[in-house]
């Protein structure tokens, strides 16, 4: 296994562990856990913040 593949796998693992819905809510000063359905997913972000931010969470 080339070292590049291993490095990419490690970076992908850590990026996948970041809750981007929570992070975007924090940047916009919105508590995503207390508004909407209480989940930090793209659908809740779409409802409480907007479509651009929801796209960032989904993508």
C-alpha atoms as a PDB file:
ATOM      1  CA  UNK A   1       0.000   0.000   0.000  1.00  0.00           C
ATOM      2  CA  UNK A   2       1.576   3.287  -1.039  1.00  0.00           C
ATOM      3  CA  UNK A   3       2.060   5.809   1.733  1.00  0.00           C
ATOM      4  CA  UNK A   4      -0.091   8.358  -0.149  1.00  0.00           C
ATOM      5  CA  UNK A   5      -3.120   6.066   0.068  1.00  0.00           C
ATOM      6  CA  UNK A   6      -2.594   5.613   3.784  1.00  0.00           C
ATOM      7  CA  UNK A   7      -2.293   9.369   4.346  1.00  0.00           C
ATOM      8  CA  UNK A   8      -5.463  10.054   2.339  1.00  0.00           C
ATOM      9  CA  UNK A   9      -7.333   7.373   4.306  1.00  0.00           C
ATOM     10  CA  UNK A  10      -6.271   8.897   7.633  1.00  0.00           C
ATOM     11  CA  UNK A  11      -7.253  12.418   6.543  1.00  0.00           C
ATOM     12  CA  UNK A  12     -10.621  11.156   5.244  1.00  0.00           C
ATOM     13  CA  UNK A  13     -11.264   9.362   8.527  1.00  0.00           C
ATOM     14  CA  UNK A  14     -10.682  12.499  10.582  1.00  0.00           C
ATOM     15  CA  UNK A  15     -12.682  14.742   8.219  1.00  0.00           C
ATOM     16  CA  UNK A  16     -15.581  12.290   8.428  1.00  0.00           C
ATOM     17  CA  UNK A  17     -15.570  12.598  12.211  1.00  0.00           C
ATOM     18  CA  UNK A  18     -16.171  16.368  12.149  1.00  0.00           C
ATOM     19  CA  UNK A  19     -19.871  17.283  12.537  1.00  0.00           C
ATOM     20  CA  UNK A  20     -19.976  20.036   9.915  1.00  0.00           C
ATOM     21  CA  UNK A  21     -23.621  20.853  10.711  1.00  0.00           C
ATOM     22  CA  UNK A  22     -22.635  21.705  14.267  1.00  0.00           C
ATOM     23  CA  UNK A  23     -19.561  23.613  13.070  1.00  0.00           C
ATOM     24  CA  UNK A  24     -21.532  25.765  10.614  1.00  0.00           C
ATOM     25  CA  UNK A  25     -24.175  26.385  13.269  1.00  0.00           C
ATOM     26  CA  UNK A  26     -21.437  27.534  15.634  1.00  0.00           C
ATOM     27  CA  UNK A  27     -20.051  29.923  12.999  1.00  0.00           C
ATOM     28  CA  UNK A  28     -23.557  31.352  12.375  1.00  0.00           C
ATOM     29  CA  UNK A  29     -24.272  31.555  16.150  1.00  0.00           C
ATOM     30  CA  UNK A  30     -27.132  29.044  15.930  1.00  0.00           C
ATOM     31  CA  UNK A  31     -27.543  26.089  18.298  1.00  0.00           C
ATOM     32  CA  UNK A  32     -28.589  23.388  15.840  1.00  0.00           C
ATOM     33  CA  UNK A  33     -29.341  20.952  18.674  1.00  0.00           C
ATOM     34  CA  UNK A  34     -32.063  23.158  20.168  1.00  0.00           C
ATOM     35  CA  UNK A  35     -33.712  24.361  16.937  1.00  0.00           C
ATOM     36  CA  UNK A  36     -35.576  22.444  14.266  1.00  0.00           C
ATOM     37  CA  UNK A  37     -35.446  18.682  14.743  1.00  0.00           C
ATOM     38  CA  UNK A  38     -32.353  18.888  16.957  1.00  0.00           C
ATOM     39  CA  UNK A  39     -30.051  17.008  14.594  1.00  0.00           C
ATOM     40  CA  UNK A  40     -26.981  18.519  12.902  1.00  0.00           C
ATOM     41  CA  UNK A  41     -27.856  17.153   9.460  1.00  0.00           C
ATOM     42  CA  UNK A  42     -28.275  18.957   6.164  1.00  0.00           C
ATOM     43  CA  UNK A  43     -32.101  18.980   6.319  1.00  0.00           C
ATOM     44  CA  UNK A  44     -32.118  20.745   9.685  1.00  0.00           C
ATOM     45  CA  UNK A  45     -29.437  23.202   8.554  1.00  0.00           C
ATOM     46  CA  UNK A  46     -31.553  23.939   5.468  1.00  0.00           C
ATOM     47  CA  UNK A  47     -34.551  24.733   7.672  1.00  0.00           C
ATOM     48  CA  UNK A  48     -32.822  26.923  10.240  1.00  0.00           C
ATOM     49  CA  UNK A  49     -29.882  28.537   8.393  1.00  0.00           C
ATOM     50  CA  UNK A  50     -30.218  28.270   4.612  1.00  0.00           C
ATOM     51  CA  UNK A  51     -29.533  26.335   1.414  1.00  0.00           C
ATOM     52  CA  UNK A  52     -25.890  27.330   0.945  1.00  0.00           C
ATOM     53  CA  UNK A  53     -24.916  26.097   4.386  1.00  0.00           C
ATOM     54  CA  UNK A  54     -27.011  22.943   3.943  1.00  0.00           C
ATOM     55  CA  UNK A  55     -25.132  22.211   0.722  1.00  0.00           C
ATOM     56  CA  UNK A  56     -21.832  22.514   2.612  1.00  0.00           C
ATOM     57  CA  UNK A  57     -23.051  20.060   5.249  1.00  0.00           C
ATOM     58  CA  UNK A  58     -24.412  17.624   2.655  1.00  0.00           C
ATOM     59  CA  UNK A  59     -21.403  17.796   0.352  1.00  0.00           C
END
